[in-house]
């Protein structure tokens, strides 16, 4: 009797799902009449009003409903015009998680690349609309390759987000902690889990891999091997999470940026990033930063980076609050140009939360 009832329910659910799919197709056909850009505007502008009405009427949790509808909108836009976004791979990387966070509601088609340089080149060549790469980690500092590519590439920073980096110990399903003889991961992930490794995995052999996702993919195919990586990687590659949250410091965040040629029209708290060089004379850096101080513009980051091919000479990366469309920012940048040997605007962009 239970089996018959279950089959009847499965039949009814299948029928309902077919109706949902028919309605989704009808939804796409309606929006096709507007074109991709107008459809994006309509979907975004109506969402909050619709949520307010529906959530109250049907007593549904607003946050969950917002997530569901944003994915439906993303699915619709993908059918109208797939947005292509490259990320530092492989699949299951934290960068892929950041790309999903930034672009899921835009119906993006995600493409994996082997290096940060490859992501930049793909955006420059028009292979993809945007790229997502890591910029800095709260514990380990900036990602040098990303800073170097921003220096010499013509792409702009179009948006940013951050993820809390939570590491998991992952292995082939059925593996026990005491069975593990080898642990694989990226050197940075291994460094961030030193305490767990020394306390729980005292006699294991540690081996490094090019990425946490690659480590997970390899580990789940072998006996007595585990990897340190993300929950997403475990899901993608069929691994079992033996332990989660094994990082030494819970305040471990990575900042990721979306790169391209058109700023994303969503997010909060506009920020601008620039890079400049100054003469190697006393007070040169002070003069370059003074225009921001006298106008009350808050600097959120300043970092020096060696100039390749010119030993002991440095460029300076600066982030500050405000947009290049703000009058006081325009004035400050004009003053900076006058007292620096070079200056490049890397982009004005918002933080996606």
C-alpha atoms as a PDB file:
ATOM      1  CA  UNK A   1       0.000   0.000   0.000  1.00  0.00           C
ATOM      2  CA  UNK A   2       2.792   2.407   0.888  1.00  0.00           C
ATOM      3  CA  UNK A   3       4.545   1.645  -2.429  1.00  0.00           C
ATOM      4  CA  UNK A   4       1.355   2.320  -4.410  1.00  0.00           C
ATOM      5  CA  UNK A   5       0.762   5.589  -2.561  1.00  0.00           C
ATOM      6  CA  UNK A   6       4.364   6.674  -3.187  1.00  0.00           C
ATOM      7  CA  UNK A   7       4.069   5.947  -6.931  1.00  0.00           C
ATOM      8  CA  UNK A   8       0.813   7.940  -7.061  1.00  0.00           C
ATOM      9  CA  UNK A   9       2.500  10.923  -5.356  1.00  0.00           C
ATOM     10  CA  UNK A  10       5.492  10.650  -7.706  1.00  0.00           C
ATOM     11  CA  UNK A  11       3.097  10.683 -10.700  1.00  0.00           C
ATOM     12  CA  UNK A  12       1.305  13.772  -9.369  1.00  0.00           C
ATOM     13  CA  UNK A  13       4.595  15.590  -8.672  1.00  0.00           C
ATOM     14  CA  UNK A  14       5.822  14.843 -12.196  1.00  0.00           C
ATOM     15  CA  UNK A  15       2.593  16.309 -13.583  1.00  0.00           C
ATOM     16  CA  UNK A  16       3.005  19.449 -11.457  1.00  0.00           C
ATOM     17  CA  UNK A  17       6.658  19.827 -12.519  1.00  0.00           C
ATOM     18  CA  UNK A  18       5.623  19.656 -16.172  1.00  0.00           C
ATOM     19  CA  UNK A  19       3.128  22.463 -15.533  1.00  0.00           C
ATOM     20  CA  UNK A  20       5.866  24.517 -13.840  1.00  0.00           C
ATOM     21  CA  UNK A  21       8.172  23.996 -16.847  1.00  0.00           C
ATOM     22  CA  UNK A  22       5.401  25.037 -19.259  1.00  0.00           C
ATOM     23  CA  UNK A  23       4.898  28.218 -17.236  1.00  0.00           C
ATOM     24  CA  UNK A  24       8.654  28.911 -17.209  1.00  0.00           C
ATOM     25  CA  UNK A  25       8.736  28.612 -21.016  1.00  0.00           C
ATOM     26  CA  UNK A  26       5.757  30.984 -21.234  1.00  0.00           C
ATOM     27  CA  UNK A  27       7.596  33.392 -18.889  1.00  0.00           C
ATOM     28  CA  UNK A  28      10.633  33.369 -21.186  1.00  0.00           C
ATOM     29  CA  UNK A  29       8.480  33.984 -24.265  1.00  0.00           C
ATOM     30  CA  UNK A  30       6.894  37.032 -22.615  1.00  0.00           C
ATOM     31  CA  UNK A  31      10.266  38.543 -21.703  1.00  0.00           C
ATOM     32  CA  UNK A  32      11.726  37.873 -25.162  1.00  0.00           C
ATOM     33  CA  UNK A  33       9.529  40.681 -26.464  1.00  0.00           C
ATOM     34  CA  UNK A  34      11.477  43.149 -24.278  1.00  0.00           C
ATOM     35  CA  UNK A  35      14.988  42.041 -25.175  1.00  0.00           C
ATOM     36  CA  UNK A  36      17.706  40.996 -22.738  1.00  0.00           C
ATOM     37  CA  UNK A  37      18.602  44.376 -21.149  1.00  0.00           C
ATOM     38  CA  UNK A  38      14.984  45.490 -20.655  1.00  0.00           C
ATOM     39  CA  UNK A  39      14.063  42.060 -19.309  1.00  0.00           C
ATOM     40  CA  UNK A  40      16.868  42.339 -16.730  1.00  0.00           C
ATOM     41  CA  UNK A  41      15.530  45.723 -15.627  1.00  0.00           C
ATOM     42  CA  UNK A  42      11.937  44.488 -15.324  1.00  0.00           C
ATOM     43  CA  UNK A  43      12.889  41.366 -13.358  1.00  0.00           C
ATOM     44  CA  UNK A  44      15.058  43.296 -10.927  1.00  0.00           C
ATOM     45  CA  UNK A  45      12.731  46.257 -10.377  1.00  0.00           C
ATOM     46  CA  UNK A  46       9.644  44.170  -9.674  1.00  0.00           C
ATOM     47  CA  UNK A  47      11.158  41.578  -7.337  1.00  0.00           C
ATOM     48  CA  UNK A  48      10.905  43.394  -3.970  1.00  0.00           C
ATOM     49  CA  UNK A  49       7.326  44.522  -4.582  1.00  0.00           C
ATOM     50  CA  UNK A  50       6.317  41.008  -5.601  1.00  0.00           C
ATOM     51  CA  UNK A  51       8.054  39.469  -2.572  1.00  0.00           C
ATOM     52  CA  UNK A  52       6.301  41.821  -0.157  1.00  0.00           C
ATOM     53  CA  UNK A  53       2.883  40.876  -1.527  1.00  0.00           C
ATOM     54  CA  UNK A  54       3.407  37.125  -1.943  1.00  0.00           C
ATOM     55  CA  UNK A  55       5.349  36.434   1.283  1.00  0.00           C
ATOM     56  CA  UNK A  56       2.639  38.016   3.411  1.00  0.00           C
ATOM     57  CA  UNK A  57      -0.266  36.479   1.508  1.00  0.00           C
ATOM     58  CA  UNK A  58       1.071  32.912   1.578  1.00  0.00           C
ATOM     59  CA  UNK A  59       2.991  33.115   4.894  1.00  0.00           C
ATOM     60  CA  UNK A  60       6.246  32.059   3.206  1.00  0.00           C
ATOM     61  CA  UNK A  61       9.752  32.951   4.488  1.00  0.00           C
ATOM     62  CA  UNK A  62      10.786  36.018   2.490  1.00  0.00           C
ATOM     63  CA  UNK A  63      14.516  35.202   2.327  1.00  0.00           C
ATOM     64  CA  UNK A  64      13.947  31.699   0.990  1.00  0.00           C
ATOM     65  CA  UNK A  65      11.423  32.972  -1.518  1.00  0.00           C
ATOM     66  CA  UNK A  66      13.843  35.686  -2.673  1.00  0.00           C
ATOM     67  CA  UNK A  67      16.543  33.058  -3.259  1.00  0.00           C
ATOM     68  CA  UNK A  68      14.178  30.844  -5.236  1.00  0.00           C
ATOM     69  CA  UNK A  69      12.924  33.684  -7.435  1.00  0.00           C
ATOM     70  CA  UNK A  70      16.437  35.004  -8.052  1.00  0.00           C
ATOM     71  CA  UNK A  71      17.407  31.586  -9.437  1.00  0.00           C
ATOM     72  CA  UNK A  72      14.287  31.491 -11.603  1.00  0.00           C
ATOM     73  CA  UNK A  73      15.153  34.963 -12.914  1.00  0.00           C
ATOM     74  CA  UNK A  74      18.713  33.815 -13.555  1.00  0.00           C
ATOM     75  CA  UNK A  75      17.437  30.756 -15.432  1.00  0.00           C
ATOM     76  CA  UNK A  76      15.182  32.979 -17.531  1.00  0.00           C
ATOM     77  CA  UNK A  77      17.964  35.418 -18.413  1.00  0.00           C
ATOM     78  CA  UNK A  78      20.294  32.552 -19.294  1.00  0.00           C
ATOM     79  CA  UNK A  79      17.783  31.371 -21.896  1.00  0.00           C
ATOM     80  CA  UNK A  80      17.425  34.894 -23.285  1.00  0.00           C
ATOM     81  CA  UNK A  81      21.157  35.553 -23.528  1.00  0.00           C
ATOM     82  CA  UNK A  82      23.650  33.425 -21.612  1.00  0.00           C
ATOM     83  CA  UNK A  83      26.135  35.563 -19.684  1.00  0.00           C
ATOM     84  CA  UNK A  84      29.518  33.839 -19.629  1.00  0.00           C
ATOM     85  CA  UNK A  85      31.730  34.160 -16.552  1.00  0.00           C
ATOM     86  CA  UNK A  86      35.198  32.659 -16.154  1.00  0.00           C
ATOM     87  CA  UNK A  87      36.681  31.736 -12.796  1.00  0.00           C
ATOM     88  CA  UNK A  88      39.917  30.361 -11.410  1.00  0.00           C
ATOM     89  CA  UNK A  89      39.270  26.638 -11.363  1.00  0.00           C
ATOM     90  CA  UNK A  90      38.988  23.796 -11.286  1.00  0.00           C
ATOM     91  CA  UNK A  91      35.341  23.105 -10.426  1.00  0.00           C
ATOM     92  CA  UNK A  92      34.745  23.189  -6.702  1.00  0.00           C
ATOM     93  CA  UNK A  93      37.184  26.017  -5.984  1.00  0.00           C
ATOM     94  CA  UNK A  94      36.340  28.829  -3.592  1.00  0.00           C
ATOM     95  CA  UNK A  95      36.524  31.145  -6.614  1.00  0.00           C
ATOM     96  CA  UNK A  96      33.653  29.218  -8.195  1.00  0.00           C
ATOM     97  CA  UNK A  97      31.641  29.795  -5.005  1.00  0.00           C
ATOM     98  CA  UNK A  98      32.368  33.522  -5.320  1.00  0.00           C
ATOM     99  CA  UNK A  99      31.311  33.491  -8.982  1.00  0.00           C
ATOM    100  CA  UNK A 100      28.032  31.803  -8.032  1.00  0.00           C
ATOM    101  CA  UNK A 101      27.467  34.380  -5.290  1.00  0.00           C
ATOM    102  CA  UNK A 102      28.015  37.281  -7.686  1.00  0.00           C
ATOM    103  CA  UNK A 103      26.328  36.014 -10.845  1.00  0.00           C
ATOM    104  CA  UNK A 104      23.725  33.366  -9.939  1.00  0.00           C
ATOM    105  CA  UNK A 105      20.813  35.790 -10.343  1.00  0.00           C
ATOM    106  CA  UNK A 106      22.050  36.832 -13.812  1.00  0.00           C
ATOM    107  CA  UNK A 107      21.815  33.370 -15.335  1.00  0.00           C
ATOM    108  CA  UNK A 108      25.547  33.119 -15.909  1.00  0.00           C
ATOM    109  CA  UNK A 109      27.265  30.219 -17.652  1.00  0.00           C
ATOM    110  CA  UNK A 110      30.383  29.497 -15.589  1.00  0.00           C
ATOM    111  CA  UNK A 111      33.648  28.524 -17.290  1.00  0.00           C
ATOM    112  CA  UNK A 112      36.693  27.147 -15.447  1.00  0.00           C
ATOM    113  CA  UNK A 113      40.234  28.382 -16.242  1.00  0.00           C
ATOM    114  CA  UNK A 114      43.561  27.011 -15.044  1.00  0.00           C
ATOM    115  CA  UNK A 115      45.186  30.285 -13.962  1.00  0.00           C
ATOM    116  CA  UNK A 116      44.426  33.886 -13.038  1.00  0.00           C
ATOM    117  CA  UNK A 117      46.276  35.002 -16.159  1.00  0.00           C
ATOM    118  CA  UNK A 118      44.032  32.795 -18.317  1.00  0.00           C
ATOM    119  CA  UNK A 119      40.926  34.404 -16.807  1.00  0.00           C
ATOM    120  CA  UNK A 120      42.226  37.908 -17.594  1.00  0.00           C
ATOM    121  CA  UNK A 121      43.184  36.934 -21.156  1.00  0.00           C
ATOM    122  CA  UNK A 122      39.765  35.386 -21.786  1.00  0.00           C
ATOM    123  CA  UNK A 123      38.012  38.595 -20.701  1.00  0.00           C
ATOM    124  CA  UNK A 124      40.378  40.724 -22.816  1.00  0.00           C
ATOM    125  CA  UNK A 125      39.766  38.537 -25.877  1.00  0.00           C
ATOM    126  CA  UNK A 126      35.983  38.654 -25.462  1.00  0.00           C
ATOM    127  CA  UNK A 127      35.705  34.899 -24.859  1.00  0.00           C
ATOM    128  CA  UNK A 128      33.740  35.624 -21.683  1.00  0.00           C
ATOM    129  CA  UNK A 129      31.800  38.633 -20.376  1.00  0.00           C
ATOM    130  CA  UNK A 130      33.357  38.687 -16.895  1.00  0.00           C
ATOM    131  CA  UNK A 131      35.987  36.890 -14.870  1.00  0.00           C
ATOM    132  CA  UNK A 132      36.213  36.180 -11.136  1.00  0.00           C
ATOM    133  CA  UNK A 133      39.594  35.957  -9.393  1.00  0.00           C
ATOM    134  CA  UNK A 134      40.842  36.162  -5.780  1.00  0.00           C
ATOM    135  CA  UNK A 135      42.367  39.499  -4.756  1.00  0.00           C
ATOM    136  CA  UNK A 136      43.366  39.112  -1.115  1.00  0.00           C
ATOM    137  CA  UNK A 137      43.017  36.913   1.944  1.00  0.00           C
ATOM    138  CA  UNK A 138      42.484  38.310   5.435  1.00  0.00           C
ATOM    139  CA  UNK A 139      45.262  36.100   6.845  1.00  0.00           C
ATOM    140  CA  UNK A 140      47.726  35.627   3.995  1.00  0.00           C
ATOM    141  CA  UNK A 141      47.483  39.024   2.271  1.00  0.00           C
ATOM    142  CA  UNK A 142      47.150  39.986  -1.397  1.00  0.00           C
ATOM    143  CA  UNK A 143      47.327  37.644  -4.378  1.00  0.00           C
ATOM    144  CA  UNK A 144      50.379  38.863  -6.268  1.00  0.00           C
ATOM    145  CA  UNK A 145      49.367  37.463  -9.670  1.00  0.00           C
ATOM    146  CA  UNK A 146      46.027  39.295  -9.566  1.00  0.00           C
ATOM    147  CA  UNK A 147      47.709  42.604  -8.662  1.00  0.00           C
ATOM    148  CA  UNK A 148      50.213  42.149 -11.475  1.00  0.00           C
ATOM    149  CA  UNK A 149      47.503  41.401 -14.036  1.00  0.00           C
ATOM    150  CA  UNK A 150      45.459  44.434 -12.940  1.00  0.00           C
ATOM    151  CA  UNK A 151      48.563  46.552 -13.456  1.00  0.00           C
ATOM    152  CA  UNK A 152      49.135  45.574 -17.074  1.00  0.00           C
ATOM    153  CA  UNK A 153      45.675  44.543 -18.302  1.00  0.00           C
ATOM    154  CA  UNK A 154      43.071  46.895 -19.727  1.00  0.00           C
ATOM    155  CA  UNK A 155      40.160  45.229 -17.901  1.00  0.00           C
ATOM    156  CA  UNK A 156      38.487  46.923 -14.936  1.00  0.00           C
ATOM    157  CA  UNK A 157      37.265  45.796 -11.528  1.00  0.00           C
ATOM    158  CA  UNK A 158      33.474  45.613 -11.947  1.00  0.00           C
ATOM    159  CA  UNK A 159      32.383  44.275  -8.567  1.00  0.00           C
ATOM    160  CA  UNK A 160      33.627  42.484  -5.471  1.00  0.00           C
ATOM    161  CA  UNK A 161      32.493  40.051  -2.831  1.00  0.00           C
ATOM    162  CA  UNK A 162      34.005  38.122   0.034  1.00  0.00           C
ATOM    163  CA  UNK A 163      33.689  34.567   1.322  1.00  0.00           C
ATOM    164  CA  UNK A 164      34.503  33.107   4.700  1.00  0.00           C
ATOM    165  CA  UNK A 165      36.917  30.300   3.905  1.00  0.00           C
ATOM    166  CA  UNK A 166      35.807  27.188   5.758  1.00  0.00           C
ATOM    167  CA  UNK A 167      37.895  24.070   5.151  1.00  0.00           C
ATOM    168  CA  UNK A 168      36.678  20.473   5.304  1.00  0.00           C
ATOM    169  CA  UNK A 169      38.498  17.154   5.531  1.00  0.00           C
ATOM    170  CA  UNK A 170      37.143  15.137   2.604  1.00  0.00           C
ATOM    171  CA  UNK A 171      37.702  11.547   1.487  1.00  0.00           C
ATOM    172  CA  UNK A 172      36.173   8.626  -0.379  1.00  0.00           C
ATOM    173  CA  UNK A 173      32.805   7.698   1.196  1.00  0.00           C
ATOM    174  CA  UNK A 174      33.242   5.237   4.045  1.00  0.00           C
ATOM    175  CA  UNK A 175      36.735   6.453   4.970  1.00  0.00           C
ATOM    176  CA  UNK A 176      37.335   6.855   8.713  1.00  0.00           C
ATOM    177  CA  UNK A 177      39.661   9.411  10.291  1.00  0.00           C
ATOM    178  CA  UNK A 178      41.955   6.661  11.597  1.00  0.00           C
ATOM    179  CA  UNK A 179      42.243   5.174   8.065  1.00  0.00           C
ATOM    180  CA  UNK A 180      43.895   8.245   6.557  1.00  0.00           C
ATOM    181  CA  UNK A 181      47.554   7.966   5.625  1.00  0.00           C
ATOM    182  CA  UNK A 182      47.934  10.871   3.159  1.00  0.00           C
ATOM    183  CA  UNK A 183      46.421  14.374   3.123  1.00  0.00           C
ATOM    184  CA  UNK A 184      46.402  16.488  -0.041  1.00  0.00           C
ATOM    185  CA  UNK A 185      45.704  20.201  -0.471  1.00  0.00           C
ATOM    186  CA  UNK A 186      46.944  23.574  -1.655  1.00  0.00           C
ATOM    187  CA  UNK A 187      49.852  24.914   0.475  1.00  0.00           C
ATOM    188  CA  UNK A 188      47.765  27.851   1.713  1.00  0.00           C
ATOM    189  CA  UNK A 189      44.936  25.580   2.884  1.00  0.00           C
ATOM    190  CA  UNK A 190      47.412  23.277   4.628  1.00  0.00           C
ATOM    191  CA  UNK A 191      48.957  26.281   6.399  1.00  0.00           C
ATOM    192  CA  UNK A 192      45.507  27.448   7.526  1.00  0.00           C
ATOM    193  CA  UNK A 193      44.764  24.039   9.096  1.00  0.00           C
ATOM    194  CA  UNK A 194      48.076  23.394  10.899  1.00  0.00           C
ATOM    195  CA  UNK A 195      46.547  22.848  14.337  1.00  0.00           C
ATOM    196  CA  UNK A 196      43.975  20.330  13.130  1.00  0.00           C
ATOM    197  CA  UNK A 197      46.617  18.414  11.166  1.00  0.00           C
ATOM    198  CA  UNK A 198      49.047  18.284  14.102  1.00  0.00           C
ATOM    199  CA  UNK A 199      46.350  17.238  16.601  1.00  0.00           C
ATOM    200  CA  UNK A 200      44.167  14.882  14.552  1.00  0.00           C
ATOM    201  CA  UNK A 201      46.458  13.685  11.746  1.00  0.00           C
ATOM    202  CA  UNK A 202      49.805  13.355  13.490  1.00  0.00           C
ATOM    203  CA  UNK A 203      51.339  10.557  11.437  1.00  0.00           C
ATOM    204  CA  UNK A 204      49.933  11.280   7.975  1.00  0.00           C
ATOM    205  CA  UNK A 205      52.025  12.264   4.967  1.00  0.00           C
ATOM    206  CA  UNK A 206      51.257  15.749   3.630  1.00  0.00           C
ATOM    207  CA  UNK A 207      51.344  16.362  -0.122  1.00  0.00           C
ATOM    208  CA  UNK A 208      50.633  19.635  -1.912  1.00  0.00           C
ATOM    209  CA  UNK A 209      48.460  20.113  -4.981  1.00  0.00           C
ATOM    210  CA  UNK A 210      47.821  23.070  -7.295  1.00  0.00           C
ATOM    211  CA  UNK A 211      44.360  23.696  -5.805  1.00  0.00           C
ATOM    212  CA  UNK A 212      42.065  22.427  -3.063  1.00  0.00           C
ATOM    213  CA  UNK A 213      39.539  21.268  -5.666  1.00  0.00           C
ATOM    214  CA  UNK A 214      42.161  19.209  -7.517  1.00  0.00           C
ATOM    215  CA  UNK A 215      43.161  17.646  -4.195  1.00  0.00           C
ATOM    216  CA  UNK A 216      39.558  16.671  -3.411  1.00  0.00           C
ATOM    217  CA  UNK A 217      39.014  15.213  -6.881  1.00  0.00           C
ATOM    218  CA  UNK A 218      42.097  13.004  -6.463  1.00  0.00           C
ATOM    219  CA  UNK A 219      41.412  12.004  -2.853  1.00  0.00           C
ATOM    220  CA  UNK A 220      37.896  10.672  -3.429  1.00  0.00           C
ATOM    221  CA  UNK A 221      39.244   8.267  -6.063  1.00  0.00           C
ATOM    222  CA  UNK A 222      41.790   6.663  -3.708  1.00  0.00           C
ATOM    223  CA  UNK A 223      41.885   4.582  -0.544  1.00  0.00           C
ATOM    224  CA  UNK A 224      43.351   6.004   2.699  1.00  0.00           C
ATOM    225  CA  UNK A 225      43.742   9.450   1.139  1.00  0.00           C
ATOM    226  CA  UNK A 226      41.968  12.628   2.258  1.00  0.00           C
ATOM    227  CA  UNK A 227      42.002  16.220   1.078  1.00  0.00           C
ATOM    228  CA  UNK A 228      41.378  19.610   2.600  1.00  0.00           C
ATOM    229  CA  UNK A 229      38.903  21.607   0.524  1.00  0.00           C
ATOM    230  CA  UNK A 230      35.456  23.120   0.285  1.00  0.00           C
ATOM    231  CA  UNK A 231      32.038  21.604   0.892  1.00  0.00           C
ATOM    232  CA  UNK A 232      31.220  22.478  -2.745  1.00  0.00           C
ATOM    233  CA  UNK A 233      34.165  20.362  -3.948  1.00  0.00           C
ATOM    234  CA  UNK A 234      32.982  17.451  -1.801  1.00  0.00           C
ATOM    235  CA  UNK A 235      29.535  17.694  -3.374  1.00  0.00           C
ATOM    236  CA  UNK A 236      30.851  17.991  -6.945  1.00  0.00           C
ATOM    237  CA  UNK A 237      33.300  15.101  -6.733  1.00  0.00           C
ATOM    238  CA  UNK A 238      31.264  12.746  -4.552  1.00  0.00           C
ATOM    239  CA  UNK A 239      33.425  12.988  -1.451  1.00  0.00           C
ATOM    240  CA  UNK A 240      32.378  12.474   2.154  1.00  0.00           C
ATOM    241  CA  UNK A 241      33.054  15.246   4.661  1.00  0.00           C
ATOM    242  CA  UNK A 242      34.815  13.649   7.630  1.00  0.00           C
ATOM    243  CA  UNK A 243      35.236  16.953   9.503  1.00  0.00           C
ATOM    244  CA  UNK A 244      34.197  20.518   8.718  1.00  0.00           C
ATOM    245  CA  UNK A 245      35.409  23.897   9.954  1.00  0.00           C
ATOM    246  CA  UNK A 246      38.949  22.610  10.508  1.00  0.00           C
ATOM    247  CA  UNK A 247      40.675  25.942   9.793  1.00  0.00           C
ATOM    248  CA  UNK A 248      42.725  27.370  12.687  1.00  0.00           C
ATOM    249  CA  UNK A 249      41.219  30.839  12.430  1.00  0.00           C
ATOM    250  CA  UNK A 250      37.512  31.332  11.824  1.00  0.00           C
ATOM    251  CA  UNK A 251      38.131  34.951  10.759  1.00  0.00           C
ATOM    252  CA  UNK A 252      39.505  33.689   7.445  1.00  0.00           C
ATOM    253  CA  UNK A 253      38.023  35.616   4.536  1.00  0.00           C
ATOM    254  CA  UNK A 254      39.002  35.993   0.899  1.00  0.00           C
ATOM    255  CA  UNK A 255      38.049  38.983  -1.203  1.00  0.00           C
ATOM    256  CA  UNK A 256      37.182  38.190  -4.818  1.00  0.00           C
ATOM    257  CA  UNK A 257      36.737  40.618  -7.703  1.00  0.00           C
ATOM    258  CA  UNK A 258      34.715  40.466 -10.896  1.00  0.00           C
ATOM    259  CA  UNK A 259      36.702  41.832 -13.845  1.00  0.00           C
ATOM    260  CA  UNK A 260      35.383  43.039 -17.182  1.00  0.00           C
ATOM    261  CA  UNK A 261      34.553  46.202 -19.064  1.00  0.00           C
ATOM    262  CA  UNK A 262      31.152  47.136 -17.610  1.00  0.00           C
ATOM    263  CA  UNK A 263      30.468  47.691 -13.874  1.00  0.00           C
ATOM    264  CA  UNK A 264      27.823  45.437 -12.357  1.00  0.00           C
ATOM    265  CA  UNK A 265      24.703  47.439 -11.572  1.00  0.00           C
ATOM    266  CA  UNK A 266      24.100  45.898  -8.156  1.00  0.00           C
ATOM    267  CA  UNK A 267      25.681  45.920  -4.724  1.00  0.00           C
ATOM    268  CA  UNK A 268      26.387  48.453  -1.984  1.00  0.00           C
ATOM    269  CA  UNK A 269      29.112  50.861  -0.859  1.00  0.00           C
ATOM    270  CA  UNK A 270      30.878  52.039  -4.005  1.00  0.00           C
ATOM    271  CA  UNK A 271      34.657  51.796  -3.856  1.00  0.00           C
ATOM    272  CA  UNK A 272      37.390  52.863  -6.290  1.00  0.00           C
ATOM    273  CA  UNK A 273      40.796  51.260  -6.817  1.00  0.00           C
ATOM    274  CA  UNK A 274      43.818  52.935  -8.373  1.00  0.00           C
ATOM    275  CA  UNK A 275      47.494  52.198  -8.880  1.00  0.00           C
ATOM    276  CA  UNK A 276      50.250  54.808  -9.090  1.00  0.00           C
ATOM    277  CA  UNK A 277      54.001  55.299  -9.023  1.00  0.00           C
ATOM    278  CA  UNK A 278      55.983  58.189  -7.549  1.00  0.00           C
ATOM    279  CA  UNK A 279      59.515  59.524  -7.727  1.00  0.00           C
ATOM    280  CA  UNK A 280      61.943  58.072  -5.189  1.00  0.00           C
ATOM    281  CA  UNK A 281      62.258  61.324  -3.219  1.00  0.00           C
ATOM    282  CA  UNK A 282      61.275  62.306   0.354  1.00  0.00           C
ATOM    283  CA  UNK A 283      57.584  63.146   0.764  1.00  0.00           C
ATOM    284  CA  UNK A 284      56.496  61.771  -2.628  1.00  0.00           C
ATOM    285  CA  UNK A 285      54.040  59.232  -1.180  1.00  0.00           C
ATOM    286  CA  UNK A 286      52.717  61.778   1.323  1.00  0.00           C
ATOM    287  CA  UNK A 287      51.952  64.201  -1.516  1.00  0.00           C
ATOM    288  CA  UNK A 288      50.143  61.477  -3.470  1.00  0.00           C
ATOM    289  CA  UNK A 289      47.878  60.636  -0.521  1.00  0.00           C
ATOM    290  CA  UNK A 290      47.273  64.169   0.707  1.00  0.00           C
ATOM    291  CA  UNK A 291      44.526  64.949  -1.879  1.00  0.00           C
ATOM    292  CA  UNK A 292      42.350  62.257  -0.292  1.00  0.00           C
ATOM    293  CA  UNK A 293      42.945  63.417   3.285  1.00  0.00           C
ATOM    294  CA  UNK A 294      42.092  67.071   2.686  1.00  0.00           C
ATOM    295  CA  UNK A 295      38.773  66.058   1.064  1.00  0.00           C
ATOM    296  CA  UNK A 296      37.821  63.536   3.751  1.00  0.00           C
ATOM    297  CA  UNK A 297      37.984  60.555   1.398  1.00  0.00           C
ATOM    298  CA  UNK A 298      38.527  57.346   3.375  1.00  0.00           C
ATOM    299  CA  UNK A 299      41.357  55.107   2.189  1.00  0.00           C
ATOM    300  CA  UNK A 300      40.404  51.473   2.841  1.00  0.00           C
ATOM    301  CA  UNK A 301      43.654  49.917   1.644  1.00  0.00           C
ATOM    302  CA  UNK A 302      47.160  50.908   0.573  1.00  0.00           C
ATOM    303  CA  UNK A 303      49.811  48.406  -0.464  1.00  0.00           C
ATOM    304  CA  UNK A 304      53.184  48.581  -2.199  1.00  0.00           C
ATOM    305  CA  UNK A 305      54.241  46.111  -4.876  1.00  0.00           C
ATOM    306  CA  UNK A 306      57.674  45.778  -6.551  1.00  0.00           C
ATOM    307  CA  UNK A 307      57.877  47.003 -10.145  1.00  0.00           C
ATOM    308  CA  UNK A 308      59.054  44.152 -12.340  1.00  0.00           C
ATOM    309  CA  UNK A 309      62.401  44.835 -14.000  1.00  0.00           C
ATOM    310  CA  UNK A 310      63.175  47.793 -11.729  1.00  0.00           C
ATOM    311  CA  UNK A 311      64.751  46.506  -8.487  1.00  0.00           C
ATOM    312  CA  UNK A 312      63.789  48.372  -5.282  1.00  0.00           C
ATOM    313  CA  UNK A 313      61.192  50.520  -7.026  1.00  0.00           C
ATOM    314  CA  UNK A 314      57.539  50.184  -6.088  1.00  0.00           C
ATOM    315  CA  UNK A 315      54.013  50.875  -7.269  1.00  0.00           C
ATOM    316  CA  UNK A 316      51.168  51.559  -4.850  1.00  0.00           C
ATOM    317  CA  UNK A 317      47.682  50.063  -4.868  1.00  0.00           C
ATOM    318  CA  UNK A 318      45.032  52.169  -3.146  1.00  0.00           C
ATOM    319  CA  UNK A 319      41.338  51.488  -2.463  1.00  0.00           C
ATOM    320  CA  UNK A 320      39.110  54.301  -1.268  1.00  0.00           C
ATOM    321  CA  UNK A 321      35.427  54.930  -0.600  1.00  0.00           C
ATOM    322  CA  UNK A 322      33.599  56.746  -3.381  1.00  0.00           C
ATOM    323  CA  UNK A 323      33.040  56.731  -7.120  1.00  0.00           C
ATOM    324  CA  UNK A 324      34.944  58.340 -10.008  1.00  0.00           C
ATOM    325  CA  UNK A 325      31.652  60.112 -10.731  1.00  0.00           C
ATOM    326  CA  UNK A 326      31.816  61.973  -7.382  1.00  0.00           C
ATOM    327  CA  UNK A 327      33.019  65.559  -7.748  1.00  0.00           C
ATOM    328  CA  UNK A 328      35.465  65.408  -4.815  1.00  0.00           C
ATOM    329  CA  UNK A 329      36.920  62.125  -6.108  1.00  0.00           C
ATOM    330  CA  UNK A 330      37.453  63.679  -9.544  1.00  0.00           C
ATOM    331  CA  UNK A 331      39.258  66.614  -7.926  1.00  0.00           C
ATOM    332  CA  UNK A 332      41.406  64.341  -5.756  1.00  0.00           C
ATOM    333  CA  UNK A 333      42.457  62.187  -8.709  1.00  0.00           C
ATOM    334  CA  UNK A 334      43.410  65.253 -10.729  1.00  0.00           C
ATOM    335  CA  UNK A 335      45.693  66.315  -7.885  1.00  0.00           C
ATOM    336  CA  UNK A 336      47.148  62.800  -7.626  1.00  0.00           C
ATOM    337  CA  UNK A 337      48.000  62.836 -11.328  1.00  0.00           C
ATOM    338  CA  UNK A 338      49.982  66.036 -10.889  1.00  0.00           C
ATOM    339  CA  UNK A 339      52.251  64.624  -8.152  1.00  0.00           C
ATOM    340  CA  UNK A 340      52.769  61.041  -9.421  1.00  0.00           C
ATOM    341  CA  UNK A 341      54.806  59.661 -12.307  1.00  0.00           C
ATOM    342  CA  UNK A 342      51.898  57.438 -13.434  1.00  0.00           C
ATOM    343  CA  UNK A 343      48.352  56.662 -12.309  1.00  0.00           C
ATOM    344  CA  UNK A 344      45.795  54.117 -13.477  1.00  0.00           C
ATOM    345  CA  UNK A 345      42.165  53.798 -12.388  1.00  0.00           C
ATOM    346  CA  UNK A 346      41.362  50.118 -11.877  1.00  0.00           C
ATOM    347  CA  UNK A 347      37.636  50.683 -11.535  1.00  0.00           C
ATOM    348  CA  UNK A 348      34.742  51.986  -9.458  1.00  0.00           C
ATOM    349  CA  UNK A 349      32.567  49.134  -8.252  1.00  0.00           C
ATOM    350  CA  UNK A 350      30.179  47.891  -5.564  1.00  0.00           C
ATOM    351  CA  UNK A 351      30.313  45.095  -3.010  1.00  0.00           C
ATOM    352  CA  UNK A 352      27.919  42.199  -3.593  1.00  0.00           C
ATOM    353  CA  UNK A 353      26.605  40.896  -0.259  1.00  0.00           C
END
